[in-house]
């Protein structure tokens, strides 16, 4: 096999994982707020932090595997934060859900931790 094709396939698998995870976030954000309020009560911000930490980690690995080397930590952080903001906007249209600046902050802290962790890991 050609060396380039192995790297391309590896990048594709990383991106597929990242996009599937983004789909999972979208799905979870689409659930009626009334169905979630019980089990997330008091754990909302830590859950946001963890979810976006994982997303930024995946973005970092996908970008790295795709050959991005410069500003990798910043780019993966920004991608995750932007997705978090769009997800909060999406929640404005879901019954019994709302957008929150506090959630965006938790998402951003998680994204920073995920990007930084990935930079130390790889």
PDB file of N, CA and C in Angstrom:
ATOM      1  N   UNK A   1       0.824  -1.189   0.000  1.00  0.00           N
ATOM      2  CA  UNK A   1       0.000   0.000   0.000  1.00  0.00           C
ATOM      3  C   UNK A   1       0.864   1.247   0.000  1.00  0.00           C
ATOM      4  N   UNK A   2       0.351   2.278  -0.575  1.00  0.00           N
ATOM      5  CA  UNK A   2       1.057   3.547  -0.572  1.00  0.00           C
ATOM      6  C   UNK A   2       1.003   4.165   0.815  1.00  0.00           C
ATOM      7  N   UNK A   3       2.080   4.825   1.170  1.00  0.00           N
ATOM      8  CA  UNK A   3       2.139   5.461   2.473  1.00  0.00           C
ATOM      9  C   UNK A   3       1.068   6.529   2.615  1.00  0.00           C
ATOM     10  N   UNK A   4       0.835   7.328   1.594  1.00  0.00           N
ATOM     11  CA  UNK A   4      -0.160   8.389   1.641  1.00  0.00           C
ATOM     12  C   UNK A   4      -1.562   7.876   1.894  1.00  0.00           C
ATOM     13  N   UNK A   5      -1.890   6.720   1.329  1.00  0.00           N
ATOM     14  CA  UNK A   5      -3.242   6.194   1.504  1.00  0.00           C
ATOM     15  C   UNK A   5      -3.482   5.729   2.938  1.00  0.00           C
ATOM     16  N   UNK A   6      -2.450   5.226   3.600  1.00  0.00           N
ATOM     17  CA  UNK A   6      -2.589   4.812   4.996  1.00  0.00           C
ATOM     18  C   UNK A   6      -2.901   6.036   5.859  1.00  0.00           C
ATOM     19  N   UNK A   7      -2.188   7.125   5.628  1.00  0.00           N
ATOM     20  CA  UNK A   7      -2.435   8.338   6.398  1.00  0.00           C
ATOM     21  C   UNK A   7      -3.813   8.910   6.096  1.00  0.00           C
ATOM     22  N   UNK A   8      -4.215   8.864   4.829  1.00  0.00           N
ATOM     23  CA  UNK A   8      -5.531   9.390   4.464  1.00  0.00           C
ATOM     24  C   UNK A   8      -6.624   8.572   5.134  1.00  0.00           C
ATOM     25  N   UNK A   9      -6.486   7.268   5.145  1.00  0.00           N
ATOM     26  CA  UNK A   9      -7.481   6.414   5.777  1.00  0.00           C
ATOM     27  C   UNK A   9      -7.509   6.650   7.281  1.00  0.00           C
ATOM     28  N   UNK A  10      -6.349   6.818   7.875  1.00  0.00           N
ATOM     29  CA  UNK A  10      -6.288   7.103   9.308  1.00  0.00           C
ATOM     30  C   UNK A  10      -6.976   8.407   9.641  1.00  0.00           C
ATOM     31  N   UNK A  11      -6.759   9.426   8.830  1.00  0.00           N
ATOM     32  CA  UNK A  11      -7.403  10.721   9.064  1.00  0.00           C
ATOM     33  C   UNK A  11      -8.905  10.587   8.905  1.00  0.00           C
ATOM     34  N   UNK A  12      -9.332   9.821   7.932  1.00  0.00           N
ATOM     35  CA  UNK A  12     -10.766   9.640   7.704  1.00  0.00           C
ATOM     36  C   UNK A  12     -11.434   8.992   8.916  1.00  0.00           C
ATOM     37  N   UNK A  13     -10.794   8.001   9.499  1.00  0.00           N
ATOM     38  CA  UNK A  13     -11.363   7.342  10.673  1.00  0.00           C
ATOM     39  C   UNK A  13     -11.439   8.293  11.868  1.00  0.00           C
ATOM     40  N   UNK A  14     -10.425   9.115  12.037  1.00  0.00           N
ATOM     41  CA  UNK A  14     -10.456  10.110  13.116  1.00  0.00           C
ATOM     42  C   UNK A  14     -11.598  11.107  12.897  1.00  0.00           C
ATOM     43  N   UNK A  15     -11.710  11.597  11.655  1.00  0.00           N
ATOM     44  CA  UNK A  15     -12.778  12.558  11.373  1.00  0.00           C
ATOM     45  C   UNK A  15     -14.158  11.919  11.499  1.00  0.00           C
ATOM     46  N   UNK A  16     -14.286  10.676  11.094  1.00  0.00           N
ATOM     47  CA  UNK A  16     -15.558   9.974  11.235  1.00  0.00           C
ATOM     48  C   UNK A  16     -15.951   9.874  12.710  1.00  0.00           C
ATOM     49  N   UNK A  17     -14.985   9.561  13.565  1.00  0.00           N
ATOM     50  CA  UNK A  17     -15.238   9.509  15.004  1.00  0.00           C
ATOM     51  C   UNK A  17     -15.668  10.871  15.539  1.00  0.00           C
ATOM     52  N   UNK A  18     -14.996  11.905  15.091  1.00  0.00           N
ATOM     53  CA  UNK A  18     -15.308  13.263  15.548  1.00  0.00           C
ATOM     54  C   UNK A  18     -16.706  13.674  15.107  1.00  0.00           C
ATOM     55  N   UNK A  19     -17.033  13.424  13.860  1.00  0.00           N
ATOM     56  CA  UNK A  19     -18.352  13.807  13.339  1.00  0.00           C
ATOM     57  C   UNK A  19     -19.456  12.986  14.008  1.00  0.00           C
ATOM     58  N   UNK A  20     -19.227  11.719  14.251  1.00  0.00           N
ATOM     59  CA  UNK A  20     -20.223  10.895  14.953  1.00  0.00           C
ATOM     60  C   UNK A  20     -20.430  11.411  16.376  1.00  0.00           C
ATOM     61  N   UNK A  21     -19.360  11.808  17.034  1.00  0.00           N
ATOM     62  CA  UNK A  21     -19.479  12.358  18.379  1.00  0.00           C
ATOM     63  C   UNK A  21     -20.259  13.679  18.351  1.00  0.00           C
ATOM     64  N   UNK A  22     -20.016  14.492  17.341  1.00  0.00           N
ATOM     65  CA  UNK A  22     -20.784  15.732  17.189  1.00  0.00           C
ATOM     66  C   UNK A  22     -22.266  15.411  16.992  1.00  0.00           C
ATOM     67  N   UNK A  23     -22.558  14.365  16.244  1.00  0.00           N
ATOM     68  CA  UNK A  23     -23.940  13.934  16.052  1.00  0.00           C
ATOM     69  C   UNK A  23     -24.576  13.486  17.364  1.00  0.00           C
ATOM     70  N   UNK A  24     -23.792  12.808  18.196  1.00  0.00           N
ATOM     71  CA  UNK A  24     -24.291  12.398  19.506  1.00  0.00           C
ATOM     72  C   UNK A  24     -24.630  13.618  20.364  1.00  0.00           C
ATOM     73  N   UNK A  25     -23.765  14.622  20.345  1.00  0.00           N
ATOM     74  CA  UNK A  25     -24.032  15.860  21.086  1.00  0.00           C
ATOM     75  C   UNK A  25     -25.317  16.494  20.573  1.00  0.00           C
ATOM     76  N   UNK A  26     -25.469  16.569  19.257  1.00  0.00           N
ATOM     77  CA  UNK A  26     -26.680  17.159  18.666  1.00  0.00           C
ATOM     78  C   UNK A  26     -27.918  16.379  19.101  1.00  0.00           C
ATOM     79  N   UNK A  27     -27.831  15.068  19.059  1.00  0.00           N
ATOM     80  CA  UNK A  27     -28.963  14.233  19.473  1.00  0.00           C
ATOM     81  C   UNK A  27     -29.329  14.498  20.927  1.00  0.00           C
ATOM     82  N   UNK A  28     -28.330  14.484  21.805  1.00  0.00           N
ATOM     83  CA  UNK A  28     -28.596  14.718  23.222  1.00  0.00           C
ATOM     84  C   UNK A  28     -29.171  16.108  23.461  1.00  0.00           C
ATOM     85  N   UNK A  29     -28.739  17.076  22.681  1.00  0.00           N
ATOM     86  CA  UNK A  29     -29.255  18.437  22.806  1.00  0.00           C
ATOM     87  C   UNK A  29     -30.678  18.559  22.275  1.00  0.00           C
ATOM     88  N   UNK A  30     -31.103  17.601  21.491  1.00  0.00           N
ATOM     89  CA  UNK A  30     -32.446  17.626  20.907  1.00  0.00           C
ATOM     90  C   UNK A  30     -33.494  17.002  21.826  1.00  0.00           C
ATOM     91  N   UNK A  31     -33.044  16.388  22.908  1.00  0.00           N
ATOM     92  CA  UNK A  31     -33.980  15.745  23.834  1.00  0.00           C
ATOM     93  C   UNK A  31     -34.715  16.819  24.620  1.00  0.00           C
ATOM     94  N   UNK A  32     -36.009  16.657  24.717  1.00  0.00           N
ATOM     95  CA  UNK A  32     -36.866  17.573  25.464  1.00  0.00           C
ATOM     96  C   UNK A  32     -36.293  17.786  26.868  1.00  0.00           C
ATOM     97  N   UNK A  33     -36.197  19.047  27.282  1.00  0.00           N
ATOM     98  CA  UNK A  33     -35.611  19.382  28.573  1.00  0.00           C
ATOM     99  C   UNK A  33     -36.291  18.735  29.754  1.00  0.00           C
ATOM    100  N   UNK A  34     -37.574  18.490  29.660  1.00  0.00           N
ATOM    101  CA  UNK A  34     -38.299  17.853  30.741  1.00  0.00           C
ATOM    102  C   UNK A  34     -37.817  16.439  31.025  1.00  0.00           C
ATOM    103  N   UNK A  35     -37.360  15.743  29.994  1.00  0.00           N
ATOM    104  CA  UNK A  35     -36.872  14.368  30.154  1.00  0.00           C
ATOM    105  C   UNK A  35     -35.486  14.327  30.775  1.00  0.00           C
ATOM    106  N   UNK A  36     -34.728  15.433  30.687  1.00  0.00           N
ATOM    107  CA  UNK A  36     -33.366  15.452  31.209  1.00  0.00           C
ATOM    108  C   UNK A  36     -33.241  16.076  32.587  1.00  0.00           C
ATOM    109  N   UNK A  37     -34.187  16.922  32.952  1.00  0.00           N
ATOM    110  CA  UNK A  37     -34.022  17.727  34.154  1.00  0.00           C
ATOM    111  C   UNK A  37     -33.759  16.895  35.409  1.00  0.00           C
ATOM    112  N   UNK A  38     -34.352  15.726  35.510  1.00  0.00           N
ATOM    113  CA  UNK A  38     -34.174  14.898  36.696  1.00  0.00           C
ATOM    114  C   UNK A  38     -32.769  14.360  36.866  1.00  0.00           C
ATOM    115  N   UNK A  39     -32.214  13.789  35.813  1.00  0.00           N
ATOM    116  CA  UNK A  39     -30.928  13.137  36.006  1.00  0.00           C
ATOM    117  C   UNK A  39     -29.752  14.067  35.854  1.00  0.00           C
ATOM    118  N   UNK A  40     -29.948  15.240  35.324  1.00  0.00           N
ATOM    119  CA  UNK A  40     -28.840  16.195  35.207  1.00  0.00           C
ATOM    120  C   UNK A  40     -28.843  17.247  36.311  1.00  0.00           C
ATOM    121  N   UNK A  41     -29.845  17.219  37.158  1.00  0.00           N
ATOM    122  CA  UNK A  41     -29.965  18.256  38.177  1.00  0.00           C
ATOM    123  C   UNK A  41     -28.688  18.339  39.028  1.00  0.00           C
ATOM    124  N   UNK A  42     -28.060  19.494  38.994  1.00  0.00           N
ATOM    125  CA  UNK A  42     -26.846  19.713  39.763  1.00  0.00           C
ATOM    126  C   UNK A  42     -25.565  19.298  39.066  1.00  0.00           C
ATOM    127  N   UNK A  43     -25.667  18.601  37.950  1.00  0.00           N
ATOM    128  CA  UNK A  43     -24.482  18.109  37.245  1.00  0.00           C
ATOM    129  C   UNK A  43     -24.342  18.714  35.854  1.00  0.00           C
ATOM    130  N   UNK A  44     -25.135  19.700  35.551  1.00  0.00           N
ATOM    131  CA  UNK A  44     -25.176  20.290  34.218  1.00  0.00           C
ATOM    132  C   UNK A  44     -23.796  20.771  33.758  1.00  0.00           C
ATOM    133  N   UNK A  45     -23.145  21.595  34.531  1.00  0.00           N
ATOM    134  CA  UNK A  45     -21.868  22.195  34.102  1.00  0.00           C
ATOM    135  C   UNK A  45     -20.747  21.160  33.982  1.00  0.00           C
ATOM    136  N   UNK A  46     -20.585  20.248  34.952  1.00  0.00           N
ATOM    137  CA  UNK A  46     -19.548  19.219  34.768  1.00  0.00           C
ATOM    138  C   UNK A  46     -19.775  18.344  33.536  1.00  0.00           C
ATOM    139  N   UNK A  47     -21.053  18.070  33.225  1.00  0.00           N
ATOM    140  CA  UNK A  47     -21.356  17.270  32.034  1.00  0.00           C
ATOM    141  C   UNK A  47     -20.960  18.033  30.777  1.00  0.00           C
ATOM    142  N   UNK A  48     -21.299  19.328  30.713  1.00  0.00           N
ATOM    143  CA  UNK A  48     -20.884  20.152  29.575  1.00  0.00           C
ATOM    144  C   UNK A  48     -19.363  20.154  29.445  1.00  0.00           C
ATOM    145  N   UNK A  49     -18.680  20.340  30.546  1.00  0.00           N
ATOM    146  CA  UNK A  49     -17.216  20.376  30.526  1.00  0.00           C
ATOM    147  C   UNK A  49     -16.653  19.067  29.962  1.00  0.00           C
ATOM    148  N   UNK A  50     -17.143  17.951  30.448  1.00  0.00           N
ATOM    149  CA  UNK A  50     -16.649  16.643  29.992  1.00  0.00           C
ATOM    150  C   UNK A  50     -16.946  16.409  28.510  1.00  0.00           C
ATOM    151  N   UNK A  51     -18.162  16.726  28.089  1.00  0.00           N
ATOM    152  CA  UNK A  51     -18.555  16.502  26.699  1.00  0.00           C
ATOM    153  C   UNK A  51     -17.660  17.299  25.746  1.00  0.00           C
ATOM    154  N   UNK A  52     -17.390  18.558  26.076  1.00  0.00           N
ATOM    155  CA  UNK A  52     -16.594  19.398  25.180  1.00  0.00           C
ATOM    156  C   UNK A  52     -15.100  19.165  25.336  1.00  0.00           C
ATOM    157  N   UNK A  53     -14.695  18.605  26.456  1.00  0.00           N
ATOM    158  CA  UNK A  53     -13.304  18.173  26.602  1.00  0.00           C
ATOM    159  C   UNK A  53     -13.022  17.040  25.611  1.00  0.00           C
ATOM    160  N   UNK A  54     -13.941  16.088  25.553  1.00  0.00           N
ATOM    161  CA  UNK A  54     -13.799  14.967  24.614  1.00  0.00           C
ATOM    162  C   UNK A  54     -13.846  15.472  23.177  1.00  0.00           C
ATOM    163  N   UNK A  55     -14.765  16.382  22.872  1.00  0.00           N
ATOM    164  CA  UNK A  55     -14.874  16.895  21.504  1.00  0.00           C
ATOM    165  C   UNK A  55     -13.584  17.590  21.067  1.00  0.00           C
ATOM    166  N   UNK A  56     -13.039  18.453  21.897  1.00  0.00           N
ATOM    167  CA  UNK A  56     -11.798  19.153  21.538  1.00  0.00           C
ATOM    168  C   UNK A  56     -10.647  18.166  21.377  1.00  0.00           C
ATOM    169  N   UNK A  57     -10.604  17.147  22.220  1.00  0.00           N
ATOM    170  CA  UNK A  57      -9.587  16.102  22.108  1.00  0.00           C
ATOM    171  C   UNK A  57      -9.689  15.421  20.743  1.00  0.00           C
ATOM    172  N   UNK A  58     -10.910  15.080  20.347  1.00  0.00           N
ATOM    173  CA  UNK A  58     -11.121  14.446  19.042  1.00  0.00           C
ATOM    174  C   UNK A  58     -10.763  15.384  17.893  1.00  0.00           C
ATOM    175  N   UNK A  59     -11.137  16.658  18.007  1.00  0.00           N
ATOM    176  CA  UNK A  59     -10.758  17.625  16.982  1.00  0.00           C
ATOM    177  C   UNK A  59      -9.240  17.695  16.851  1.00  0.00           C
ATOM    178  N   UNK A  60      -8.553  17.749  17.962  1.00  0.00           N
ATOM    179  CA  UNK A  60      -7.090  17.828  17.949  1.00  0.00           C
ATOM    180  C   UNK A  60      -6.501  16.623  17.216  1.00  0.00           C
ATOM    181  N   UNK A  61      -6.942  15.431  17.587  1.00  0.00           N
ATOM    182  CA  UNK A  61      -6.408  14.218  16.952  1.00  0.00           C
ATOM    183  C   UNK A  61      -6.731  14.173  15.462  1.00  0.00           C
ATOM    184  N   UNK A  62      -7.943  14.576  15.091  1.00  0.00           N
ATOM    185  CA  UNK A  62      -8.342  14.568  13.679  1.00  0.00           C
ATOM    186  C   UNK A  62      -7.521  15.553  12.864  1.00  0.00           C
ATOM    187  N   UNK A  63      -7.369  16.742  13.391  1.00  0.00           N
ATOM    188  CA  UNK A  63      -6.572  17.766  12.696  1.00  0.00           C
ATOM    189  C   UNK A  63      -5.113  17.335  12.586  1.00  0.00           C
ATOM    190  N   UNK A  64      -4.581  16.796  13.661  1.00  0.00           N
ATOM    191  CA  UNK A  64      -3.187  16.343  13.669  1.00  0.00           C
ATOM    192  C   UNK A  64      -2.974  15.247  12.639  1.00  0.00           C
ATOM    193  N   UNK A  65      -3.891  14.285  12.595  1.00  0.00           N
ATOM    194  CA  UNK A  65      -3.780  13.179  11.639  1.00  0.00           C
ATOM    195  C   UNK A  65      -3.932  13.676  10.204  1.00  0.00           C
ATOM    196  N   UNK A  66      -4.645  14.794  10.042  1.00  0.00           N
ATOM    197  CA  UNK A  66      -4.839  15.380   8.708  1.00  0.00           C
ATOM    198  C   UNK A  66      -3.661  16.222   8.256  1.00  0.00           C
ATOM    199  N   UNK A  67      -2.668  16.367   9.113  1.00  0.00           N
ATOM    200  CA  UNK A  67      -1.463  17.095   8.719  1.00  0.00           C
ATOM    201  C   UNK A  67      -1.373  18.519   9.241  1.00  0.00           C
ATOM    202  N   UNK A  68      -2.353  18.961  10.006  1.00  0.00           N
ATOM    203  CA  UNK A  68      -2.294  20.312  10.587  1.00  0.00           C
ATOM    204  C   UNK A  68      -1.266  20.283  11.710  1.00  0.00           C
ATOM    205  N   UNK A  69      -0.323  21.203  11.684  1.00  0.00           N
ATOM    206  CA  UNK A  69       0.712  21.246  12.716  1.00  0.00           C
ATOM    207  C   UNK A  69       0.761  22.590  13.441  1.00  0.00           C
ATOM    208  N   UNK A  70       0.469  23.652  12.708  1.00  0.00           N
ATOM    209  CA  UNK A  70       0.551  24.990  13.302  1.00  0.00           C
ATOM    210  C   UNK A  70      -0.764  25.337  13.980  1.00  0.00           C
ATOM    211  N   UNK A  71      -0.655  25.903  15.149  1.00  0.00           N
ATOM    212  CA  UNK A  71      -1.813  26.395  15.904  1.00  0.00           C
ATOM    213  C   UNK A  71      -2.838  25.301  16.181  1.00  0.00           C
ATOM    214  N   UNK A  72      -2.374  24.088  16.285  1.00  0.00           N
ATOM    215  CA  UNK A  72      -3.267  22.939  16.451  1.00  0.00           C
ATOM    216  C   UNK A  72      -4.106  23.047  17.720  1.00  0.00           C
ATOM    217  N   UNK A  73      -3.498  23.418  18.816  1.00  0.00           N
ATOM    218  CA  UNK A  73      -4.229  23.551  20.069  1.00  0.00           C
ATOM    219  C   UNK A  73      -5.296  24.632  19.953  1.00  0.00           C
ATOM    220  N   UNK A  74      -4.952  25.752  19.372  1.00  0.00           N
ATOM    221  CA  UNK A  74      -5.894  26.867  19.238  1.00  0.00           C
ATOM    222  C   UNK A  74      -7.038  26.502  18.296  1.00  0.00           C
ATOM    223  N   UNK A  75      -6.713  25.874  17.175  1.00  0.00           N
ATOM    224  CA  UNK A  75      -7.742  25.523  16.192  1.00  0.00           C
ATOM    225  C   UNK A  75      -8.721  24.500  16.769  1.00  0.00           C
ATOM    226  N   UNK A  76      -8.203  23.474  17.433  1.00  0.00           N
ATOM    227  CA  UNK A  76      -9.097  22.460  18.009  1.00  0.00           C
ATOM    228  C   UNK A  76      -9.965  23.075  19.110  1.00  0.00           C
ATOM    229  N   UNK A  77      -9.382  23.963  19.897  1.00  0.00           N
ATOM    230  CA  UNK A  77     -10.145  24.673  20.926  1.00  0.00           C
ATOM    231  C   UNK A  77     -11.264  25.499  20.287  1.00  0.00           C
ATOM    232  N   UNK A  78     -10.932  26.274  19.266  1.00  0.00           N
ATOM    233  CA  UNK A  78     -11.929  27.130  18.616  1.00  0.00           C
ATOM    234  C   UNK A  78     -13.032  26.326  17.945  1.00  0.00           C
ATOM    235  N   UNK A  79     -12.686  25.230  17.273  1.00  0.00           N
ATOM    236  CA  UNK A  79     -13.706  24.383  16.645  1.00  0.00           C
ATOM    237  C   UNK A  79     -14.705  23.886  17.691  1.00  0.00           C
ATOM    238  N   UNK A  80     -14.198  23.414  18.829  1.00  0.00           N
ATOM    239  CA  UNK A  80     -15.081  22.891  19.870  1.00  0.00           C
ATOM    240  C   UNK A  80     -15.940  24.006  20.471  1.00  0.00           C
ATOM    241  N   UNK A  81     -15.355  25.175  20.700  1.00  0.00           N
ATOM    242  CA  UNK A  81     -16.111  26.301  21.266  1.00  0.00           C
ATOM    243  C   UNK A  81     -17.200  26.751  20.291  1.00  0.00           C
ATOM    244  N   UNK A  82     -16.854  26.859  19.020  1.00  0.00           N
ATOM    245  CA  UNK A  82     -17.844  27.275  18.018  1.00  0.00           C
ATOM    246  C   UNK A  82     -18.981  26.254  17.953  1.00  0.00           C
ATOM    247  N   UNK A  83     -18.647  24.967  17.991  1.00  0.00           N
ATOM    248  CA  UNK A  83     -19.700  23.956  17.983  1.00  0.00           C
ATOM    249  C   UNK A  83     -20.559  24.080  19.236  1.00  0.00           C
ATOM    250  N   UNK A  84     -19.940  24.364  20.373  1.00  0.00           N
ATOM    251  CA  UNK A  84     -20.681  24.546  21.613  1.00  0.00           C
ATOM    252  C   UNK A  84     -21.646  25.716  21.541  1.00  0.00           C
ATOM    253  N   UNK A  85     -21.212  26.803  20.925  1.00  0.00           N
ATOM    254  CA  UNK A  85     -22.085  27.972  20.766  1.00  0.00           C
ATOM    255  C   UNK A  85     -23.259  27.634  19.854  1.00  0.00           C
ATOM    256  N   UNK A  86     -22.980  26.965  18.740  1.00  0.00           N
ATOM    257  CA  UNK A  86     -24.076  26.596  17.830  1.00  0.00           C
ATOM    258  C   UNK A  86     -25.028  25.613  18.503  1.00  0.00           C
ATOM    259  N   UNK A  87     -24.507  24.765  19.368  1.00  0.00           N
ATOM    260  CA  UNK A  87     -25.355  23.825  20.088  1.00  0.00           C
ATOM    261  C   UNK A  87     -26.268  24.559  21.072  1.00  0.00           C
ATOM    262  N   UNK A  88     -25.756  25.575  21.715  1.00  0.00           N
ATOM    263  CA  UNK A  88     -26.599  26.371  22.620  1.00  0.00           C
ATOM    264  C   UNK A  88     -27.703  27.077  21.831  1.00  0.00           C
ATOM    265  N   UNK A  89     -27.383  27.580  20.661  1.00  0.00           N
ATOM    266  CA  UNK A  89     -28.400  28.211  19.808  1.00  0.00           C
ATOM    267  C   UNK A  89     -29.450  27.178  19.400  1.00  0.00           C
ATOM    268  N   UNK A  90     -28.998  25.972  19.059  1.00  0.00           N
ATOM    269  CA  UNK A  90     -29.907  24.884  18.699  1.00  0.00           C
ATOM    270  C   UNK A  90     -30.891  24.608  19.843  1.00  0.00           C
ATOM    271  N   UNK A  91     -30.415  24.664  21.073  1.00  0.00           N
ATOM    272  CA  UNK A  91     -31.264  24.359  22.218  1.00  0.00           C
ATOM    273  C   UNK A  91     -32.370  25.394  22.430  1.00  0.00           C
ATOM    274  N   UNK A  92     -32.217  26.573  21.853  1.00  0.00           N
ATOM    275  CA  UNK A  92     -33.291  27.568  21.932  1.00  0.00           C
ATOM    276  C   UNK A  92     -34.582  27.060  21.286  1.00  0.00           C
ATOM    277  N   UNK A  93     -34.448  26.138  20.348  1.00  0.00           N
ATOM    278  CA  UNK A  93     -35.588  25.631  19.592  1.00  0.00           C
ATOM    279  C   UNK A  93     -36.096  24.277  20.092  1.00  0.00           C
ATOM    280  N   UNK A  94     -35.511  23.784  21.178  1.00  0.00           N
ATOM    281  CA  UNK A  94     -35.928  22.505  21.752  1.00  0.00           C
ATOM    282  C   UNK A  94     -36.825  22.794  22.959  1.00  0.00           C
ATOM    283  N   UNK A  95     -38.018  22.159  23.011  1.00  0.00           N
ATOM    284  CA  UNK A  95     -38.926  22.414  24.135  1.00  0.00           C
ATOM    285  C   UNK A  95     -38.254  22.187  25.496  1.00  0.00           C
ATOM    286  N   UNK A  96     -38.501  23.121  26.403  1.00  0.00           N
ATOM    287  CA  UNK A  96     -37.991  23.085  27.767  1.00  0.00           C
ATOM    288  C   UNK A  96     -36.465  23.110  27.868  1.00  0.00           C
ATOM    289  N   UNK A  97     -35.799  23.601  26.829  1.00  0.00           N
ATOM    290  CA  UNK A  97     -34.343  23.795  26.857  1.00  0.00           C
ATOM    291  C   UNK A  97     -34.093  25.266  26.610  1.00  0.00           C
ATOM    292  N   UNK A  98     -32.924  25.737  27.001  1.00  0.00           N
ATOM    293  CA  UNK A  98     -32.567  27.126  26.757  1.00  0.00           C
ATOM    294  C   UNK A  98     -31.072  27.239  26.518  1.00  0.00           C
ATOM    295  N   UNK A  99     -30.681  28.383  26.025  1.00  0.00           N
ATOM    296  CA  UNK A  99     -29.260  28.674  25.818  1.00  0.00           C
ATOM    297  C   UNK A  99     -28.752  29.367  27.069  1.00  0.00           C
ATOM    298  N   UNK A 100     -27.512  29.097  27.412  1.00  0.00           N
ATOM    299  CA  UNK A 100     -26.958  29.653  28.635  1.00  0.00           C
ATOM    300  C   UNK A 100     -25.502  30.055  28.423  1.00  0.00           C
ATOM    301  N   UNK A 101     -25.169  31.251  28.875  1.00  0.00           N
ATOM    302  CA  UNK A 101     -23.773  31.705  28.830  1.00  0.00           C
ATOM    303  C   UNK A 101     -22.930  30.806  29.729  1.00  0.00           C
ATOM    304  N   UNK A 102     -23.509  30.370  30.847  1.00  0.00           N
ATOM    305  CA  UNK A 102     -22.792  29.464  31.746  1.00  0.00           C
ATOM    306  C   UNK A 102     -22.427  28.151  31.069  1.00  0.00           C
ATOM    307  N   UNK A 103     -23.320  27.653  30.225  1.00  0.00           N
ATOM    308  CA  UNK A 103     -23.014  26.428  29.477  1.00  0.00           C
ATOM    309  C   UNK A 103     -21.894  26.667  28.476  1.00  0.00           C
ATOM    310  N   UNK A 104     -21.902  27.819  27.823  1.00  0.00           N
ATOM    311  CA  UNK A 104     -20.834  28.146  26.871  1.00  0.00           C
ATOM    312  C   UNK A 104     -19.498  28.241  27.603  1.00  0.00           C
ATOM    313  N   UNK A 105     -19.505  28.806  28.792  1.00  0.00           N
ATOM    314  CA  UNK A 105     -18.273  28.891  29.585  1.00  0.00           C
ATOM    315  C   UNK A 105     -17.792  27.486  29.956  1.00  0.00           C
ATOM    316  N   UNK A 106     -18.711  26.628  30.428  1.00  0.00           N
ATOM    317  CA  UNK A 106     -18.337  25.250  30.765  1.00  0.00           C
ATOM    318  C   UNK A 106     -17.820  24.510  29.525  1.00  0.00           C
ATOM    319  N   UNK A 107     -18.495  24.704  28.384  1.00  0.00           N
ATOM    320  CA  UNK A 107     -18.038  24.093  27.130  1.00  0.00           C
ATOM    321  C   UNK A 107     -16.622  24.558  26.797  1.00  0.00           C
ATOM    322  N   UNK A 108     -16.380  25.842  26.964  1.00  0.00           N
ATOM    323  CA  UNK A 108     -15.078  26.426  26.614  1.00  0.00           C
ATOM    324  C   UNK A 108     -13.964  25.927  27.530  1.00  0.00           C
ATOM    325  N   UNK A 109     -14.254  25.820  28.808  1.00  0.00           N
ATOM    326  CA  UNK A 109     -13.253  25.286  29.744  1.00  0.00           C
ATOM    327  C   UNK A 109     -12.945  23.837  29.386  1.00  0.00           C
ATOM    328  N   UNK A 110     -13.992  23.066  29.095  1.00  0.00           N
ATOM    329  CA  UNK A 110     -13.784  21.683  28.672  1.00  0.00           C
ATOM    330  C   UNK A 110     -12.977  21.597  27.388  1.00  0.00           C
ATOM    331  N   UNK A 111     -13.276  22.480  26.429  1.00  0.00           N
ATOM    332  CA  UNK A 111     -12.543  22.491  25.160  1.00  0.00           C
ATOM    333  C   UNK A 111     -11.069  22.813  25.388  1.00  0.00           C
ATOM    334  N   UNK A 112     -10.796  23.749  26.271  1.00  0.00           N
ATOM    335  CA  UNK A 112      -9.407  24.094  26.574  1.00  0.00           C
ATOM    336  C   UNK A 112      -8.684  22.906  27.207  1.00  0.00           C
ATOM    337  N   UNK A 113      -9.334  22.261  28.158  1.00  0.00           N
ATOM    338  CA  UNK A 113      -8.730  21.087  28.803  1.00  0.00           C
ATOM    339  C   UNK A 113      -8.519  19.942  27.812  1.00  0.00           C
ATOM    340  N   UNK A 114      -9.487  19.740  26.919  1.00  0.00           N
ATOM    341  CA  UNK A 114      -9.368  18.666  25.926  1.00  0.00           C
ATOM    342  C   UNK A 114      -8.256  18.928  24.922  1.00  0.00           C
ATOM    343  N   UNK A 115      -8.168  20.154  24.439  1.00  0.00           N
ATOM    344  CA  UNK A 115      -7.109  20.497  23.484  1.00  0.00           C
ATOM    345  C   UNK A 115      -5.734  20.378  24.132  1.00  0.00           C
ATOM    346  N   UNK A 116      -5.635  20.879  25.354  1.00  0.00           N
ATOM    347  CA  UNK A 116      -4.361  20.815  26.057  1.00  0.00           C
ATOM    348  C   UNK A 116      -3.970  19.358  26.347  1.00  0.00           C
ATOM    349  N   UNK A 117      -4.941  18.583  26.800  1.00  0.00           N
ATOM    350  CA  UNK A 117      -4.662  17.153  27.084  1.00  0.00           C
ATOM    351  C   UNK A 117      -4.198  16.429  25.826  1.00  0.00           C
ATOM    352  N   UNK A 118      -4.855  16.696  24.720  1.00  0.00           N
ATOM    353  CA  UNK A 118      -4.464  16.042  23.461  1.00  0.00           C
ATOM    354  C   UNK A 118      -3.055  16.464  23.052  1.00  0.00           C
ATOM    355  N   UNK A 119      -2.703  17.716  23.292  1.00  0.00           N
ATOM    356  CA  UNK A 119      -1.345  18.186  22.931  1.00  0.00           C
ATOM    357  C   UNK A 119      -0.287  17.486  23.782  1.00  0.00           C
ATOM    358  N   UNK A 120      -0.620  17.132  24.986  1.00  0.00           N
ATOM    359  CA  UNK A 120       0.323  16.423  25.871  1.00  0.00           C
ATOM    360  C   UNK A 120       0.354  14.944  25.523  1.00  0.00           C
ATOM    361  N   UNK A 121      -0.778  14.419  25.046  1.00  0.00           N
ATOM    362  CA  UNK A 121      -0.910  12.998  24.749  1.00  0.00           C
ATOM    363  C   UNK A 121      -0.207  12.614  23.456  1.00  0.00           C
ATOM    364  N   UNK A 122      -0.323  13.480  22.444  1.00  0.00           N
ATOM    365  CA  UNK A 122       0.220  13.104  21.123  1.00  0.00           C
ATOM    366  C   UNK A 122       1.582  13.690  20.856  1.00  0.00           C
TER     367      UNK A 122
END
